[in-house]
Amino acid sequence: MIFLGKEGIHIMNRTIRVFSGRKFSSKDIELIRWIRKTYPKLSRKELAGTICELLGWLTPAGRAKIQQCLAFLEKLEGEGIIELPPLDKQKQRRCAVKIPELKVSTEEIRGEARDFEPIHLEIARPGEELKRWRAYVNQYHMLGDKWVFGSRLQYFIKSREKELGCLQFSASAWALTLCLVIITRNQP
């Protein structure tokens, strides 16, 4: 299959694209174009959900990877491969969720790590703990609390019961760990 896009002629016979860890064959791209053409009234989110379902693009928990699919569709649109439905202005968020500012002691903690043992990680559970975790990160991290794609776990770094810091691991970090293990094993 050959078609003309914004970046010139695309030949999709055996092309494989990789996006967000998923490989897309030319048949996958054809299916995406067919879905868009066959169901022109689907919203962007409905379109992404349909594509995820038909391609089996799911998280390990079995949920559709809607956000990643939307980003991929926008990339395809940018290349002139598909045309997405217009954004629904009424459904867009009107404002970001306000995260409360916490009043906590910011005095410097001095000493060696052994002075604060035992140091441990404690998962921030949904509800008040996760709200507090997000408030800390939003208030004290230079980038604030940014939304990350994929699965993630948030932890408090604690010394006894005192919260010393926050830590987050995302699915991309888990993949990186495996990659580093493989690279390390292959070192001479």
Protein backbone atom coordinates (compact mmCIF):
# COMPACT_ATOMS: atom_id res chain seq x y z
CA MET A 1 0.00 0.00 0.00
CA ILE A 2 1.37 3.43 -0.95
CA PHE A 3 -0.17 6.74 0.05
CA LEU A 4 0.83 10.38 0.13
CA GLY A 5 1.25 12.01 3.53
CA LYS A 6 2.57 15.37 4.75
CA GLU A 7 6.10 13.97 4.85
CA GLY A 8 5.95 12.53 1.32
CA ILE A 9 5.18 9.09 -0.04
CA HIS A 10 4.78 6.32 2.54
CA ILE A 11 5.22 2.68 1.56
CA MET A 12 3.46 0.53 4.16
CA ASN A 13 4.04 -2.99 2.79
CA ARG A 14 6.35 -4.31 5.51
CA THR A 15 6.90 -1.22 7.60
CA ILE A 16 6.98 -1.80 11.34
CA ARG A 17 6.61 1.18 13.66
CA VAL A 18 7.29 1.13 17.37
CA PHE A 19 5.43 3.48 19.68
CA SER A 20 5.25 3.33 23.47
CA GLY A 21 6.71 -0.17 23.45
CA ARG A 22 4.24 -1.61 20.91
CA LYS A 23 5.10 -2.67 17.39
CA PHE A 24 2.65 -1.66 14.65
CA SER A 25 2.71 -3.50 11.35
CA SER A 26 1.34 -2.13 8.09
CA LYS A 27 -1.80 -4.23 8.73
CA ASP A 28 -2.25 -2.51 12.10
CA ILE A 29 -2.02 0.91 10.43
CA GLU A 30 -4.50 -0.21 7.76
CA LEU A 31 -6.88 -1.36 10.51
CA ILE A 32 -6.58 2.00 12.27
CA ARG A 33 -7.38 3.82 9.00
CA TRP A 34 -10.31 1.44 8.35
CA ILE A 35 -11.76 2.00 11.84
CA ARG A 36 -11.53 5.78 11.42
CA LYS A 37 -13.20 5.63 7.99
CA THR A 38 -15.89 3.12 9.02
CA TYR A 39 -16.83 4.88 12.28
CA PRO A 40 -16.42 8.60 11.53
CA LYS A 41 -18.63 9.75 14.44
CA LEU A 42 -16.48 8.23 17.18
CA SER A 43 -14.83 10.73 19.51
CA ARG A 44 -11.05 10.57 19.85
CA LYS A 45 -11.33 8.65 23.11
CA GLU A 46 -13.88 6.20 21.68
CA LEU A 47 -11.67 5.73 18.62
CA ALA A 48 -8.63 5.02 20.82
CA GLY A 49 -10.65 2.56 22.92
CA THR A 50 -11.85 0.71 19.83
CA ILE A 51 -8.34 0.53 18.39
CA CYS A 52 -6.90 -0.72 21.69
CA GLU A 53 -9.58 -3.40 21.90
CA LEU A 54 -9.13 -4.63 18.32
CA LEU A 55 -5.31 -4.57 18.48
CA GLY A 56 -5.14 -5.98 22.01
CA TRP A 57 -3.15 -2.94 23.18
CA LEU A 58 -3.66 -3.38 26.91
CA THR A 59 -1.90 -2.81 30.21
CA PRO A 60 -0.77 -5.85 32.20
CA ALA A 61 -3.95 -5.30 34.24
CA GLY A 62 -6.03 -5.70 31.06
CA ARG A 63 -7.07 -2.05 30.62
CA ALA A 64 -6.92 -0.32 27.24
CA LYS A 65 -3.90 1.98 26.77
CA ILE A 66 -6.10 4.95 25.81
CA GLN A 67 -3.59 7.76 26.51
CA GLN A 68 -0.78 6.05 24.60
CA CYS A 69 -3.13 5.30 21.71
CA LEU A 70 -4.29 8.93 21.58
CA ALA A 71 -0.67 10.08 21.42
CA PHE A 72 0.03 7.58 18.61
CA LEU A 73 -3.06 8.71 16.67
CA GLU A 74 -1.91 12.33 16.95
CA LYS A 75 1.49 11.27 15.58
CA LEU A 76 -0.20 9.52 12.65
CA GLU A 77 -2.32 12.61 12.04
CA GLY A 78 0.82 14.77 12.08
CA GLU A 79 2.26 12.55 9.35
CA GLY A 80 -0.92 12.85 7.28
CA ILE A 81 -1.79 9.16 7.63
CA ILE A 82 -5.17 9.71 9.29
CA GLU A 83 -7.42 12.63 10.13
CA LEU A 84 -8.73 12.67 13.68
CA PRO A 85 -12.13 14.01 14.72
CA PRO A 86 -12.00 17.54 16.13
CA LEU A 87 -11.43 17.94 19.86
CA ASP A 88 -14.65 18.28 21.84
CA LYS A 89 -14.14 21.63 23.59
CA GLN A 90 -16.96 20.94 26.09
CA LYS A 91 -15.36 17.72 27.35
CA GLN A 92 -11.92 19.22 27.97
CA ARG A 93 -11.00 19.86 31.59
CA ARG A 94 -11.88 23.36 32.64
CA CYS A 95 -9.16 23.57 35.28
CA ALA A 96 -6.61 21.39 36.98
CA VAL A 97 -7.47 19.78 40.30
CA LYS A 98 -6.27 22.00 43.13
CA ILE A 99 -3.85 20.15 45.37
CA PRO A 100 -3.82 21.55 48.90
CA GLU A 101 -0.60 23.05 50.24
CA LEU A 102 0.76 21.22 53.27
CA LYS A 103 2.20 22.86 56.35
CA VAL A 104 5.21 20.72 57.24
CA SER A 105 8.49 21.32 58.96
CA THR A 106 11.17 22.10 56.39
CA GLU A 107 14.07 22.23 58.82
CA GLU A 108 17.23 20.61 57.50
CA ILE A 109 17.85 17.05 58.63
CA ARG A 110 21.53 16.47 59.43
CA GLY A 111 23.36 13.27 60.16
CA GLU A 112 24.40 10.04 58.56
CA ALA A 113 21.97 7.47 57.19
CA ARG A 114 22.66 5.13 60.14
CA ASP A 115 21.39 7.86 62.50
CA PHE A 116 17.94 7.50 60.95
CA GLU A 117 17.73 3.71 60.71
CA PRO A 118 15.57 1.89 60.13
CA ILE A 119 14.76 3.68 56.86
CA HIS A 120 12.01 2.06 54.83
CA LEU A 121 9.61 2.66 51.97
CA GLU A 122 5.89 2.73 52.61
CA ILE A 123 3.42 2.69 49.74
CA ALA A 124 1.12 5.71 49.48
CA ARG A 125 -2.34 4.13 49.53
CA PRO A 126 -5.26 5.63 47.59
CA GLY A 127 -7.14 8.24 49.58
CA GLU A 128 -5.55 10.57 52.11
CA GLU A 129 -2.04 9.10 51.83
CA LEU A 130 -1.92 9.50 48.05
CA LYS A 131 -3.34 13.03 48.33
CA ARG A 132 -0.59 13.87 50.84
CA TRP A 133 2.07 12.29 48.57
CA ARG A 134 0.85 14.36 45.60
CA ALA A 135 0.75 17.51 47.72
CA TYR A 136 4.36 16.98 48.86
CA VAL A 137 5.60 16.40 45.30
CA ASN A 138 3.56 19.29 43.92
CA GLN A 139 4.89 21.61 46.62
CA TYR A 140 8.55 20.56 46.81
CA HIS A 141 9.57 19.02 43.46
CA MET A 142 10.77 21.50 40.84
CA LEU A 143 8.43 19.99 38.20
CA GLY A 144 5.49 19.52 40.53
CA ASP A 145 3.24 16.49 40.39
CA LYS A 146 3.13 15.59 36.69
CA TRP A 147 0.93 12.79 35.39
CA VAL A 148 2.94 9.86 34.02
CA PHE A 149 1.74 7.25 31.55
CA GLY A 150 1.30 3.67 32.57
CA SER A 151 1.35 1.87 35.86
CA ARG A 152 3.08 3.53 38.76
CA LEU A 153 3.64 3.16 42.48
CA GLN A 154 4.20 6.02 44.91
CA TYR A 155 6.10 5.60 48.17
CA PHE A 156 6.98 7.62 51.23
CA ILE A 157 10.61 7.35 52.40
CA LYS A 158 10.34 7.01 56.18
CA SER A 159 12.62 6.94 59.20
CA ARG A 160 10.62 5.23 61.90
CA GLU A 161 7.34 7.12 61.36
CA LYS A 162 8.80 10.42 60.11
CA GLU A 163 8.31 11.10 56.39
CA LEU A 164 11.63 12.09 54.81
CA GLY A 165 10.74 12.09 51.13
CA CYS A 166 8.70 10.73 48.26
CA LEU A 167 9.55 8.25 45.53
CA GLN A 168 7.68 7.08 42.43
CA PHE A 169 8.35 4.12 40.17
CA SER A 170 6.60 3.90 36.81
CA ALA A 171 6.31 1.05 34.33
CA SER A 172 9.02 2.64 32.20
CA ALA A 173 11.42 2.43 35.17
CA TRP A 174 10.60 -1.26 35.61
CA ALA A 175 11.44 -1.86 31.94
CA LEU A 176 14.67 0.11 32.34
CA THR A 177 15.69 -2.06 35.29
CA LEU A 178 15.31 -5.20 33.18
CA CYS A 179 17.25 -3.53 30.36
CA LEU A 180 20.10 -2.63 32.75
CA VAL A 181 20.19 -6.20 34.09
CA ILE A 182 20.47 -7.56 30.54
CA ILE A 183 23.16 -5.02 29.61
CA THR A 184 25.11 -5.78 32.80
CA ARG A 185 25.00 -9.53 32.15
CA ASN A 186 26.27 -9.01 28.61
CA GLN A 187 29.27 -6.94 29.75
CA PRO A 188 32.65 -8.73 29.32
